[in-house]
Amino acid sequence: MKDPNDGELGRAVRSDRSAKAGSAAVIHEEVVAAIVEGAWRSKPARGDSAALAVALPGPGVAFVVARSQGKAVAKVCEEDSSIPTALERGVRSLRALVGAEQAVDTLEVVLGYDFEQPGADEVKARLSNLHRGLRGLEISRGGVIERHSPTEMLATNRGFLKLLERFVQRHGPGAVRVRTFDAVQVLVPLTGYGAPRRLFRGAELVSIESITRDRVEALADLHASWLFNNLQANGRMVYKYWPSSGKESSANNMIRQWMATVALGRVARRRGDAGLIDRVESNILYNLREFYTEDGNLGCIVEAGEKVKLGAVALACLALVEHPRRERFAKEEQALRRTVDFLWQPDGSFVTFLRPAGRNDNQNFYPGEALLLWASLAAEGDDPALRDRFMTSFRYYRAWHLENRNPAFIPWHTQAYRRMWSVRGDAELAEFVFVMNDWLIDIQQWDGQRRFPDTRGRFYDPKRPFGPPHSSSTGVYLEGLIDAWRLARALGEGERQERYRRAIVRGIRSVTQLTFKDAVDMFYVTQRDKVRGGVRTTVYDNEVRVDNVQHNLMALLEILDEFPASDFRP
């Protein structure tokens, strides 16, 4: 029997126990499973109930959901002064609801305990996203009580405030009483994947020690499979998918779409698969057919509202440049290159929009994407004028960034400068890459997240206004960090190289945590072929967006090219 006191889960529970003595419980998942299986099959109760009662004294509630291939067939919630009694009664009630004919492969079990009503000054903190999927929520008014387990919130992708809004919509305006509760989460398989699984925020915790070369290779394969599985027959790529509802969003973003094309192309080339190369070509043709036009001799990628963004133009051009059948798109490539040139200014800056005229925001993103294109073109042959323009922009944006520090700026410019360094060898390019990435790794979360180990390795600073945590951000930061690591290695910067290596492996841990890998991760997902290999946005938001996958995939491919097996260590 695995000791749940070992590893990240045990440490997280002990940390919570120290914060609130006597309330957090360390529970063997096998003990919960034995009670559940006994009640499901109408067997007499054993000593497991007594063991659970000692470890988790009541009162409390037991939520039990019967699932078949992710679909919730039936669910119950039982309350009792004894949590084992609530669990046994809940399972028997569920068995009666389901009947003998219903196919059930998994029971989702949540044991709620330590109900607390937050004070007025505590509500915001206790209902923050950091606790979503860990704490449950009870909402009541008069004789009406609703209880929502943390796994329900994950499976429906609803936060605390959304549940409060829905309560008011159903029962009318007025004051409500709110209580939160802690919970033990266990999946009990009736068929399929074997042993019961203890969950932390609806998933198994990924330890840093489990990040090996073999696991990273498998992770990259999963991400690649998601991209190709979501590439439609007509060449259209799914932009955003909601696993909870099994529906695709109607939203779109052509910068992210063209980066997906780049990622698809890199996978196809690495595998030398003509069939995959054909599919990438169909994606290019679809994107050009639907979004490409010309304004005079300037190539445009047109989005909603007739916007033409520098970033979309540059990344579309990069996708064409990298495709093995590049010559087929020579006309469009040249027109897109002219647009990038047109938006460049003599002082080295870029105007970031061709349309609407006068718009010039997103300086943290689009110029770096344009410089990445230019660095790729410069690596192809002798073009002194292009290299001179690049260096003028480098010096402009070096000064601009130091006055406007933002992590979003760093990965695009890192990739561009490392590529140009390989062409020119300018020391100032390498020096600035180190300045940027030394600063970046300081916003990666690790030691301070012991109570929330599933968040460790992400890049997020809650004290600075750089935006919420996001898996696509982790992916693009990893793309930049592997290039910074390459530079550190090439220049003999051993200590710096090691710092970057450690940050990269920690980032991979985070990405692995967020990837839908197997039936456990997808216990509530019904359309699993559309989700497997996808990357959730955060630990509490299961939305899969195409850039969540593509950035992490492209980073992993580069990391696998460079890291020996011994570098995949904590």
Protein backbone atom coordinates (compact mmCIF):
# COMPACT_ATOMS: atom_id res chain seq x y z
CA MET A 1 0.00 0.00 0.00
CA LYS A 2 1.40 3.39 -1.00
CA ASP A 3 1.94 5.74 1.91
CA PRO A 4 0.13 9.02 1.11
CA ASN A 5 2.45 10.82 3.50
CA ASP A 6 5.16 10.38 0.87
CA GLY A 7 5.74 12.82 -1.97
CA GLU A 8 4.10 16.10 -2.95
CA LEU A 9 0.57 15.11 -1.90
CA GLY A 10 1.61 14.20 1.61
CA ARG A 11 3.64 17.38 1.99
CA ALA A 12 0.73 19.48 0.79
CA VAL A 13 -1.64 17.85 3.27
CA ARG A 14 0.79 18.22 6.15
CA SER A 15 1.32 21.88 5.26
CA ASP A 16 -2.43 22.46 5.32
CA ARG A 17 -2.69 20.60 8.62
CA SER A 18 -0.09 22.88 10.18
CA ALA A 19 -2.14 25.88 9.05
CA LYS A 20 -5.37 24.48 10.47
CA ALA A 21 -4.52 21.87 13.08
CA GLY A 22 -6.60 18.73 13.14
CA SER A 23 -8.70 19.45 10.09
CA ALA A 24 -6.70 18.07 7.19
CA ALA A 25 -6.61 14.31 6.84
CA VAL A 26 -4.18 11.93 5.21
CA ILE A 27 -6.31 9.15 3.78
CA HIS A 28 -5.24 5.97 2.03
CA GLU A 29 -7.15 5.80 -1.25
CA GLU A 30 -7.32 2.01 -0.83
CA VAL A 31 -9.30 2.46 2.39
CA VAL A 32 -11.86 4.66 0.63
CA ALA A 33 -11.99 2.24 -2.31
CA ALA A 34 -12.60 -0.75 -0.04
CA ILE A 35 -15.60 0.96 1.55
CA VAL A 36 -16.94 2.04 -1.84
CA GLU A 37 -16.53 -1.34 -3.50
CA GLY A 38 -18.06 -3.13 -0.55
CA ALA A 39 -21.14 -0.88 -0.55
CA TRP A 40 -21.41 -1.02 -4.35
CA ARG A 41 -21.45 -4.82 -4.28
CA SER A 42 -23.56 -4.98 -1.07
CA LYS A 43 -20.84 -6.68 0.96
CA PRO A 44 -20.64 -6.35 4.75
CA ALA A 45 -18.64 -3.40 6.07
CA ARG A 46 -15.11 -4.22 7.19
CA GLY A 47 -12.60 -2.49 9.40
CA ASP A 48 -12.00 0.07 6.67
CA SER A 49 -14.90 2.19 7.91
CA ALA A 50 -13.42 2.38 11.38
CA ALA A 51 -10.03 3.34 9.95
CA LEU A 52 -11.60 6.10 7.89
CA ALA A 53 -13.62 7.36 10.86
CA VAL A 54 -10.41 7.70 12.90
CA ALA A 55 -8.54 9.47 10.10
CA LEU A 56 -11.47 11.66 9.10
CA PRO A 57 -13.88 12.31 11.98
CA GLY A 58 -17.26 13.76 11.10
CA PRO A 59 -19.52 15.40 10.56
CA GLY A 60 -19.21 15.64 6.82
CA VAL A 61 -20.63 14.82 3.42
CA ALA A 62 -19.94 12.21 0.78
CA PHE A 63 -20.37 13.02 -2.90
CA VAL A 64 -20.42 9.99 -5.19
CA VAL A 65 -20.75 10.19 -8.97
CA ALA A 66 -21.16 7.16 -11.24
CA ARG A 67 -19.41 7.71 -14.57
CA SER A 68 -19.32 5.83 -17.84
CA GLN A 69 -16.62 6.95 -20.29
CA GLY A 70 -16.62 10.30 -18.55
CA LYS A 71 -20.38 10.84 -18.60
CA ALA A 72 -22.06 11.35 -15.23
CA VAL A 73 -24.73 8.63 -15.12
CA ALA A 74 -25.99 9.47 -11.62
CA LYS A 75 -24.80 11.29 -8.51
CA VAL A 76 -25.70 11.58 -4.83
CA CYS A 77 -24.64 13.64 -1.84
CA GLU A 78 -25.12 12.24 1.67
CA GLU A 79 -24.55 14.01 4.99
CA ASP A 80 -23.87 12.33 8.34
CA SER A 81 -22.09 12.77 11.65
CA SER A 82 -19.96 9.84 10.49
CA ILE A 83 -18.25 10.31 7.13
CA PRO A 84 -17.87 6.53 6.51
CA THR A 85 -21.61 6.15 7.12
CA ALA A 86 -22.35 8.96 4.68
CA LEU A 87 -20.08 7.30 2.13
CA GLU A 88 -21.61 3.83 2.47
CA ARG A 89 -25.14 5.21 2.32
CA GLY A 90 -24.26 7.36 -0.68
CA VAL A 91 -22.79 4.45 -2.62
CA ARG A 92 -25.79 2.22 -1.90
CA SER A 93 -28.19 4.99 -2.94
CA LEU A 94 -26.20 5.51 -6.12
CA ARG A 95 -26.25 1.78 -6.86
CA ALA A 96 -30.02 1.79 -6.56
CA LEU A 97 -30.28 4.80 -8.87
CA VAL A 98 -28.02 3.30 -11.50
CA GLY A 99 -29.55 -0.17 -11.50
CA ALA A 100 -28.09 -3.32 -12.95
CA GLU A 101 -28.36 -2.33 -16.60
CA GLN A 102 -26.28 0.86 -16.58
CA ALA A 103 -22.62 0.51 -17.56
CA VAL A 104 -20.48 2.29 -14.97
CA ASP A 105 -16.68 2.20 -15.15
CA THR A 106 -15.67 4.72 -12.46
CA LEU A 107 -16.95 6.12 -9.20
CA GLU A 108 -15.85 9.66 -8.37
CA VAL A 109 -15.74 10.07 -4.59
CA VAL A 110 -15.35 13.30 -2.63
CA LEU A 111 -15.44 13.40 1.17
CA GLY A 112 -16.15 16.89 2.48
CA TYR A 113 -15.20 17.99 5.98
CA ASP A 114 -14.32 21.05 8.09
CA PHE A 115 -17.14 23.33 6.96
CA GLU A 116 -16.35 26.99 7.67
CA GLN A 117 -18.22 30.22 7.13
CA PRO A 118 -15.69 32.86 6.07
CA GLY A 119 -15.85 36.29 7.61
CA ALA A 120 -16.56 39.29 5.44
CA ASP A 121 -12.84 40.04 5.19
CA GLU A 122 -12.03 36.41 4.27
CA VAL A 123 -14.48 35.78 1.44
CA LYS A 124 -12.28 37.00 -1.40
CA ALA A 125 -9.29 34.93 -0.28
CA ARG A 126 -11.24 31.75 0.47
CA LEU A 127 -13.10 31.91 -2.85
CA SER A 128 -10.02 32.68 -4.92
CA ASN A 129 -9.09 30.61 -7.94
CA LEU A 130 -6.13 29.17 -6.07
CA HIS A 131 -8.65 27.17 -3.97
CA ARG A 132 -10.91 26.24 -6.88
CA GLY A 133 -10.90 22.47 -7.27
CA LEU A 134 -9.56 21.99 -3.73
CA ARG A 135 -12.38 23.41 -1.62
CA GLY A 136 -16.06 22.73 -1.99
CA LEU A 137 -18.83 25.29 -1.63
CA GLU A 138 -22.11 25.25 0.30
CA ILE A 139 -24.69 27.96 -0.49
CA SER A 140 -27.88 28.25 1.52
CA ARG A 141 -30.86 30.49 2.10
CA GLY A 142 -33.68 29.49 4.39
CA GLY A 143 -34.35 25.81 3.80
CA VAL A 144 -32.56 25.70 0.43
CA ILE A 145 -29.06 24.23 0.51
CA GLU A 146 -26.75 23.57 -2.43
CA ARG A 147 -23.43 21.79 -2.06
CA HIS A 148 -20.83 21.66 -4.80
CA SER A 149 -17.81 19.40 -4.58
CA PRO A 150 -14.42 20.60 -5.83
CA THR A 151 -14.35 17.93 -8.53
CA GLU A 152 -17.78 19.07 -9.76
CA MET A 153 -16.38 22.57 -10.13
CA LEU A 154 -13.50 21.19 -12.19
CA ALA A 155 -15.70 18.93 -14.30
CA THR A 156 -18.10 21.77 -15.13
CA ASN A 157 -15.33 24.40 -15.28
CA ARG A 158 -17.24 26.72 -12.95
CA GLY A 159 -15.71 28.87 -10.26
CA PHE A 160 -17.09 29.92 -6.90
CA LEU A 161 -18.61 33.16 -8.14
CA LYS A 162 -20.34 31.46 -11.08
CA LEU A 163 -21.98 29.01 -8.67
CA LEU A 164 -23.19 31.90 -6.53
CA GLU A 165 -24.59 33.66 -9.60
CA ARG A 166 -26.44 30.49 -10.65
CA PHE A 167 -27.91 30.09 -7.16
CA VAL A 168 -29.31 33.63 -7.29
CA GLN A 169 -30.65 33.05 -10.81
CA ARG A 170 -32.54 29.97 -9.62
CA HIS A 171 -33.74 31.22 -6.26
CA GLY A 172 -33.96 34.97 -6.69
CA PRO A 173 -31.99 37.88 -5.23
CA GLY A 174 -31.25 38.12 -1.54
CA ALA A 175 -28.61 37.37 1.04
CA VAL A 176 -27.09 33.90 1.11
CA ARG A 177 -25.00 31.97 3.62
CA VAL A 178 -21.73 30.62 2.25
CA ARG A 179 -19.54 27.91 3.74
CA THR A 180 -16.46 26.29 2.27
CA PHE A 181 -15.16 22.84 3.09
CA ASP A 182 -12.02 20.82 2.55
CA ALA A 183 -12.19 17.53 0.70
CA VAL A 184 -10.56 14.19 -0.01
CA GLN A 185 -10.82 13.22 -3.69
CA VAL A 186 -10.56 9.62 -4.89
CA LEU A 187 -11.33 7.88 -8.19
CA VAL A 188 -12.43 4.28 -7.76
CA PRO A 189 -12.29 2.28 -11.01
CA LEU A 190 -14.83 -0.49 -11.42
CA THR A 191 -13.21 -1.49 -14.72
CA GLY A 192 -10.19 -0.27 -16.66
CA TYR A 193 -7.21 1.46 -15.14
CA GLY A 194 -6.76 -0.63 -12.02
CA ALA A 195 -5.94 0.83 -8.64
CA PRO A 196 -7.88 3.65 -6.99
CA ARG A 197 -6.31 7.06 -7.47
CA ARG A 198 -6.01 9.81 -4.88
CA LEU A 199 -6.46 13.15 -6.62
CA PHE A 200 -5.27 16.64 -5.85
CA ARG A 201 -7.47 19.18 -7.57
CA GLY A 202 -8.95 16.50 -9.81
CA ALA A 203 -5.65 15.09 -11.06
CA GLU A 204 -2.71 13.03 -9.89
CA LEU A 205 0.23 15.12 -8.80
CA VAL A 206 3.25 15.06 -11.10
CA SER A 207 6.49 15.00 -9.14
CA ILE A 208 9.61 16.74 -10.39
CA GLU A 209 11.44 13.43 -9.94
CA SER A 210 9.17 11.79 -12.53
CA ILE A 211 10.35 14.10 -15.32
CA THR A 212 12.62 11.87 -17.41
CA ARG A 213 13.61 11.92 -21.04
CA ASP A 214 11.22 9.05 -21.82
CA ARG A 215 8.34 10.87 -20.16
CA VAL A 216 9.08 14.11 -22.02
CA GLU A 217 9.22 12.24 -25.34
CA ALA A 218 5.82 10.73 -24.56
CA LEU A 219 4.50 14.16 -23.59
CA ALA A 220 5.65 15.68 -26.89
CA ASP A 221 3.96 12.84 -28.77
CA LEU A 222 0.72 13.52 -26.89
CA HIS A 223 0.84 17.21 -27.79
CA ALA A 224 1.55 16.42 -31.44
CA SER A 225 -1.35 13.96 -31.51
CA TRP A 226 -3.70 16.64 -30.16
CA LEU A 227 -2.71 19.05 -32.93
CA PHE A 228 -3.16 16.55 -35.73
CA ASN A 229 -6.35 15.08 -34.22
CA ASN A 230 -7.83 18.59 -34.14
CA LEU A 231 -6.76 19.48 -37.67
CA GLN A 232 -9.95 19.14 -39.72
CA ALA A 233 -10.22 17.49 -43.14
CA ASN A 234 -10.56 20.88 -44.86
CA GLY A 235 -7.36 22.16 -43.22
CA ARG A 236 -8.98 24.19 -40.44
CA MET A 237 -7.39 23.93 -37.01
CA VAL A 238 -9.55 23.94 -33.89
CA TYR A 239 -8.70 27.09 -31.97
CA LYS A 240 -10.34 26.51 -28.59
CA TYR A 241 -12.12 23.51 -27.08
CA TRP A 242 -14.13 23.17 -23.88
CA PRO A 243 -13.76 19.65 -22.43
CA SER A 244 -16.57 20.14 -19.91
CA SER A 245 -19.25 20.75 -22.53
CA GLY A 246 -17.60 18.85 -25.38
CA LYS A 247 -17.94 21.91 -27.59
CA GLU A 248 -15.63 23.99 -29.74
CA SER A 249 -15.49 27.75 -29.28
CA SER A 250 -16.27 30.01 -32.22
CA ALA A 251 -13.41 32.35 -31.24
CA ASN A 252 -10.26 32.61 -33.31
CA ASN A 253 -6.84 34.29 -33.35
CA MET A 254 -4.64 34.12 -36.42
CA ILE A 255 -1.35 34.69 -34.61
CA ARG A 256 -1.98 31.54 -32.60
CA GLN A 257 -3.33 29.73 -35.66
CA TRP A 258 -0.18 30.42 -37.68
CA MET A 259 2.03 29.37 -34.79
CA ALA A 260 0.06 26.12 -34.77
CA THR A 261 0.93 25.78 -38.45
CA VAL A 262 4.61 26.27 -37.58
CA ALA A 263 4.34 23.57 -34.89
CA LEU A 264 2.58 21.15 -37.25
CA GLY A 265 5.27 21.71 -39.85
CA ARG A 266 8.11 21.07 -37.42
CA VAL A 267 6.57 17.78 -36.32
CA ALA A 268 5.98 16.69 -39.92
CA ARG A 269 9.57 17.51 -40.92
CA ARG A 270 11.07 15.75 -37.93
CA ARG A 271 9.12 12.61 -38.71
CA GLY A 272 9.78 12.80 -42.45
CA ASP A 273 6.14 11.89 -42.97
CA ALA A 274 4.85 12.93 -46.41
CA GLY A 275 1.27 12.40 -45.28
CA LEU A 276 1.70 14.83 -42.39
CA ILE A 277 3.44 17.32 -44.68
CA ASP A 278 0.37 17.13 -46.94
CA ARG A 279 -1.88 17.86 -43.98
CA VAL A 280 0.21 20.87 -42.95
CA GLU A 281 0.00 22.13 -46.52
CA SER A 282 -3.79 21.80 -46.37
CA ASN A 283 -3.74 23.90 -43.19
CA ILE A 284 -1.68 26.59 -44.93
CA LEU A 285 -4.00 26.59 -47.92
CA TYR A 286 -7.05 26.90 -45.66
CA ASN A 287 -5.54 29.82 -43.73
CA LEU A 288 -4.53 31.60 -46.92
CA ARG A 289 -7.90 31.02 -48.53
CA GLU A 290 -9.85 32.30 -45.54
CA PHE A 291 -7.62 35.05 -44.15
CA TYR A 292 -5.04 36.18 -46.74
CA THR A 293 -5.51 39.16 -49.02
CA GLU A 294 -3.33 41.84 -50.57
CA ASP A 295 -3.40 45.60 -50.17
CA GLY A 296 -1.48 46.80 -53.20
CA ASN A 297 1.72 44.78 -53.01
CA LEU A 298 1.43 44.13 -49.26
CA GLY A 299 0.34 40.73 -48.00
CA CYS A 300 -2.28 40.84 -45.25
CA ILE A 301 -3.65 38.36 -42.72
CA VAL A 302 -7.09 39.80 -42.02
CA GLU A 303 -8.98 39.04 -38.81
CA ALA A 304 -12.29 40.08 -37.30
CA GLY A 305 -12.87 43.79 -37.62
CA GLU A 306 -10.53 43.95 -40.62
CA LYS A 307 -7.48 44.05 -38.35
CA VAL A 308 -4.08 43.33 -39.89
CA LYS A 309 -1.49 42.62 -37.18
CA LEU A 310 2.26 42.65 -37.62
CA GLY A 311 2.48 39.46 -35.54
CA ALA A 312 0.04 37.52 -37.71
CA VAL A 313 1.80 38.63 -40.89
CA ALA A 314 5.24 37.68 -39.55
CA LEU A 315 4.21 34.28 -38.22
CA ALA A 316 2.26 33.41 -41.36
CA CYS A 317 5.41 34.19 -43.33
CA LEU A 318 7.50 32.04 -40.95
CA ALA A 319 5.12 29.11 -41.49
CA LEU A 320 5.55 29.42 -45.26
CA VAL A 321 9.34 29.76 -44.98
CA GLU A 322 9.62 26.60 -42.86
CA HIS A 323 7.35 24.40 -44.97
CA PRO A 324 9.15 21.83 -47.16
CA ARG A 325 7.09 22.99 -50.18
CA ARG A 326 7.93 26.62 -49.60
CA GLU A 327 8.23 27.41 -53.31
CA ARG A 328 4.50 26.84 -53.77
CA PHE A 329 3.85 29.87 -51.57
CA ALA A 330 6.60 32.14 -52.94
CA LYS A 331 4.19 34.89 -54.03
CA GLU A 332 2.48 35.09 -50.64
CA GLU A 333 5.79 34.88 -48.79
CA GLN A 334 7.23 37.84 -50.66
CA ALA A 335 4.09 39.93 -50.13
CA LEU A 336 4.08 39.17 -46.40
CA ARG A 337 7.77 40.06 -46.16
CA ARG A 338 7.04 43.39 -47.81
CA THR A 339 4.41 44.12 -45.15
CA VAL A 340 6.88 43.46 -42.33
CA ASP A 341 9.40 45.73 -44.06
CA PHE A 342 6.74 48.41 -44.53
CA LEU A 343 5.88 48.42 -40.82
CA TRP A 344 9.55 48.78 -39.78
CA GLN A 345 10.68 52.29 -38.86
CA PRO A 346 14.16 53.83 -39.31
CA ASP A 347 14.66 54.13 -35.53
CA GLY A 348 14.28 50.34 -35.27
CA SER A 349 10.73 50.27 -33.94
CA PHE A 350 7.79 48.57 -35.61
CA VAL A 351 4.27 49.85 -36.16
CA THR A 352 2.28 46.88 -34.90
CA PHE A 353 -0.87 47.22 -37.05
CA LEU A 354 -1.26 47.83 -40.75
CA ARG A 355 -4.98 48.19 -40.06
CA PRO A 356 -6.48 50.03 -38.31
CA ALA A 357 -4.14 52.86 -39.17
CA GLY A 358 -2.59 54.52 -36.15
CA ARG A 359 -2.92 51.56 -33.80
CA ASN A 360 0.43 50.65 -32.26
CA ASP A 361 -0.07 48.54 -29.13
CA ASN A 362 1.09 44.98 -28.33
CA GLN A 363 4.72 46.08 -28.50
CA ASN A 364 5.61 43.27 -26.09
CA PHE A 365 4.58 40.67 -28.68
CA TYR A 366 4.51 41.59 -32.35
CA PRO A 367 7.98 43.13 -32.88
CA GLY A 368 9.61 40.04 -31.36
CA GLU A 369 7.61 37.83 -33.71
CA ALA A 370 8.76 39.94 -36.66
CA LEU A 371 12.39 39.77 -35.51
CA LEU A 372 12.11 35.99 -35.21
CA LEU A 373 11.12 35.89 -38.88
CA TRP A 374 14.01 38.17 -39.82
CA ALA A 375 16.51 36.08 -37.86
CA SER A 376 15.29 32.95 -39.65
CA LEU A 377 15.70 34.66 -43.02
CA ALA A 378 19.13 36.01 -42.09
CA ALA A 379 20.30 32.48 -41.32
CA GLU A 380 19.59 31.46 -44.93
CA GLY A 381 22.22 33.60 -46.61
CA ASP A 382 24.07 36.86 -46.99
CA ASP A 383 21.77 39.86 -46.55
CA PRO A 384 23.70 42.68 -44.85
CA ALA A 385 20.80 45.12 -45.13
CA LEU A 386 18.46 42.76 -43.28
CA ARG A 387 21.02 42.14 -40.56
CA ASP A 388 21.61 45.88 -40.14
CA ARG A 389 17.89 46.55 -39.77
CA PHE A 390 17.68 43.70 -37.28
CA MET A 391 20.47 45.16 -35.14
CA THR A 392 18.89 48.62 -35.25
CA SER A 393 15.68 47.06 -33.91
CA PHE A 394 17.60 45.06 -31.34
CA ARG A 395 19.12 48.22 -29.88
CA TYR A 396 15.81 50.06 -29.95
CA TYR A 397 13.89 47.28 -28.18
CA ARG A 398 16.67 46.56 -25.71
CA ALA A 399 16.27 50.09 -24.37
CA TRP A 400 12.48 49.93 -24.63
CA HIS A 401 12.22 46.69 -22.67
CA LEU A 402 14.44 47.86 -19.83
CA GLU A 403 12.03 50.78 -19.39
CA ASN A 404 8.93 48.56 -19.75
CA ARG A 405 9.82 45.22 -18.17
CA ASN A 406 7.32 42.48 -19.03
CA PRO A 407 7.87 38.72 -19.28
CA ALA A 408 5.78 38.48 -22.47
CA PHE A 409 8.51 40.36 -24.36
CA ILE A 410 11.27 37.93 -23.46
CA PRO A 411 10.73 34.61 -25.29
CA TRP A 412 10.18 36.08 -28.76
CA HIS A 413 13.23 38.31 -28.54
CA THR A 414 15.31 35.55 -26.97
CA GLN A 415 14.60 33.20 -29.88
CA ALA A 416 15.27 35.94 -32.43
CA TYR A 417 18.52 37.09 -30.81
CA ARG A 418 19.86 33.57 -30.34
CA ARG A 419 19.25 32.82 -34.02
CA MET A 420 20.90 36.05 -35.09
CA TRP A 421 23.79 35.42 -32.69
CA SER A 422 24.40 32.14 -34.52
CA VAL A 423 24.75 34.21 -37.73
CA ARG A 424 26.70 37.23 -36.45
CA GLY A 425 28.15 36.24 -33.10
CA ASP A 426 27.50 39.69 -31.58
CA ALA A 427 28.29 39.62 -27.87
CA GLU A 428 25.62 42.22 -27.10
CA LEU A 429 22.90 39.85 -28.37
CA ALA A 430 23.98 37.12 -25.97
CA GLU A 431 24.42 39.53 -23.09
CA PHE A 432 20.87 40.84 -23.43
CA VAL A 433 19.44 37.33 -23.69
CA PHE A 434 21.01 36.64 -20.31
CA VAL A 435 19.71 39.90 -18.83
CA MET A 436 16.16 39.03 -19.91
CA ASN A 437 16.11 35.40 -18.85
CA ASP A 438 17.89 35.89 -15.53
CA TRP A 439 15.01 38.24 -14.67
CA LEU A 440 12.36 35.89 -16.09
CA ILE A 441 13.23 32.84 -14.01
CA ASP A 442 12.70 34.85 -10.84
CA ILE A 443 8.95 34.91 -11.52
CA GLN A 444 8.74 31.13 -11.79
CA GLN A 445 6.85 29.74 -8.79
CA TRP A 446 8.40 26.93 -6.78
CA ASP A 447 9.32 27.05 -3.08
CA GLY A 448 6.43 29.31 -2.14
CA GLN A 449 3.86 26.88 -3.56
CA ARG A 450 4.25 23.92 -1.20
CA ARG A 451 0.57 24.09 -0.20
CA PHE A 452 -0.37 24.09 -3.89
CA PRO A 453 2.13 21.68 -5.43
CA ASP A 454 0.20 21.31 -8.68
CA THR A 455 1.04 24.95 -9.49
CA ARG A 456 4.79 24.57 -9.08
CA GLY A 457 6.86 25.43 -12.14
CA ARG A 458 4.45 27.92 -13.68
CA PHE A 459 5.50 31.51 -14.38
CA TYR A 460 3.36 33.90 -12.39
CA ASP A 461 3.91 36.83 -10.06
CA PRO A 462 0.72 37.70 -8.14
CA LYS A 463 2.32 40.91 -6.90
CA ARG A 464 2.95 42.38 -10.36
CA PRO A 465 0.41 43.11 -13.13
CA PHE A 466 1.73 40.71 -15.76
CA GLY A 467 -1.54 38.82 -16.13
CA PRO A 468 -2.85 35.52 -14.76
CA PRO A 469 -0.98 32.22 -14.99
CA HIS A 470 -1.43 30.46 -18.33
CA SER A 471 -0.02 27.27 -19.80
CA SER A 472 0.67 28.94 -23.15
CA SER A 473 2.88 31.42 -21.30
CA THR A 474 4.82 28.58 -19.72
CA GLY A 475 5.27 27.05 -23.17
CA VAL A 476 6.60 30.17 -24.86
CA TYR A 477 8.88 30.92 -21.90
CA LEU A 478 10.30 27.41 -22.27
CA GLU A 479 10.90 28.11 -25.97
CA GLY A 480 12.98 31.09 -24.99
CA LEU A 481 14.74 29.41 -22.09
CA ILE A 482 16.08 26.54 -24.17
CA ASP A 483 17.65 29.10 -26.49
CA ALA A 484 19.08 30.98 -23.51
CA TRP A 485 20.43 27.64 -22.25
CA ARG A 486 22.07 27.03 -25.64
CA LEU A 487 23.79 30.39 -25.47
CA ALA A 488 24.98 29.79 -21.91
CA ARG A 489 26.43 26.44 -22.94
CA ALA A 490 28.12 27.88 -26.04
CA LEU A 491 29.72 30.69 -24.02
CA GLY A 492 30.85 28.54 -21.11
CA GLU A 493 28.39 30.08 -18.63
CA GLY A 494 28.05 26.91 -16.56
CA GLU A 495 26.29 28.37 -13.51
CA ARG A 496 23.80 30.24 -15.66
CA GLN A 497 23.25 27.17 -17.83
CA GLU A 498 22.38 25.17 -14.72
CA ARG A 499 19.88 27.79 -13.51
CA TYR A 500 18.16 27.71 -16.90
CA ARG A 501 18.17 23.90 -16.93
CA ARG A 502 16.48 23.74 -13.55
CA ALA A 503 13.86 26.29 -14.61
CA ILE A 504 13.18 24.32 -17.78
CA VAL A 505 12.65 21.02 -15.94
CA ARG A 506 10.38 22.74 -13.43
CA GLY A 507 8.39 24.23 -16.30
CA ILE A 508 8.06 20.80 -17.89
CA ARG A 509 6.66 19.53 -14.59
CA SER A 510 3.96 22.19 -14.76
CA VAL A 511 3.10 21.39 -18.37
CA THR A 512 2.93 17.67 -17.63
CA GLN A 513 0.55 18.42 -14.75
CA LEU A 514 -1.74 20.34 -17.10
CA THR A 515 -1.78 17.83 -19.96
CA PHE A 516 -4.73 15.49 -20.45
CA LYS A 517 -2.69 12.28 -20.50
CA ASP A 518 -4.99 9.39 -19.64
CA ALA A 519 -8.37 8.25 -18.33
CA VAL A 520 -7.59 9.64 -14.87
CA ASP A 521 -7.01 13.16 -16.19
CA MET A 522 -10.12 12.78 -18.37
CA PHE A 523 -12.38 11.16 -15.78
CA TYR A 524 -15.16 13.66 -16.57
CA VAL A 525 -14.47 14.07 -20.32
CA THR A 526 -16.83 12.45 -22.81
CA GLN A 527 -15.13 13.42 -26.10
CA ARG A 528 -11.75 12.02 -25.20
CA ASP A 529 -10.37 11.79 -28.73
CA LYS A 530 -10.64 15.60 -28.95
CA VAL A 531 -9.02 16.20 -25.58
CA ARG A 532 -6.23 13.65 -25.14
CA GLY A 533 -2.89 15.45 -25.41
CA GLY A 534 -4.49 18.85 -24.90
CA VAL A 535 -3.11 21.23 -22.30
CA ARG A 536 -5.40 22.88 -19.77
CA THR A 537 -5.08 26.62 -19.33
CA THR A 538 -4.47 26.39 -15.57
CA VAL A 539 -4.91 23.82 -12.82
CA TYR A 540 -8.45 25.14 -12.25
CA ASP A 541 -9.49 26.01 -15.83
CA ASN A 542 -9.68 23.08 -18.26
CA GLU A 543 -10.12 25.12 -21.45
CA VAL A 544 -7.76 23.87 -24.18
CA ARG A 545 -6.53 26.56 -26.55
CA VAL A 546 -4.33 25.75 -29.50
CA ASP A 547 -1.40 27.83 -28.25
CA ASN A 548 -1.47 25.96 -24.93
CA VAL A 549 -0.37 22.96 -26.96
CA GLN A 550 1.77 24.36 -29.76
CA HIS A 551 4.12 26.48 -27.63
CA ASN A 552 4.78 23.65 -25.21
CA LEU A 553 5.25 21.16 -28.03
CA MET A 554 7.77 23.34 -29.84
CA ALA A 555 9.67 23.90 -26.60
CA LEU A 556 9.74 20.18 -25.82
CA LEU A 557 11.06 19.33 -29.29
CA GLU A 558 13.94 21.78 -28.85
CA ILE A 559 14.65 20.58 -25.32
CA LEU A 560 14.72 16.96 -26.48
CA ASP A 561 17.17 17.94 -29.22
CA GLU A 562 19.56 19.49 -26.70
CA PHE A 563 19.23 17.87 -23.27
CA PRO A 564 21.04 14.62 -22.57
CA ALA A 565 19.05 12.19 -20.43
CA SER A 566 21.03 13.29 -17.36
CA ASP A 567 19.68 16.84 -17.64
CA PHE A 568 16.14 15.68 -16.90
CA ARG A 569 16.62 15.87 -13.14
CA PRO A 570 15.24 18.11 -10.37
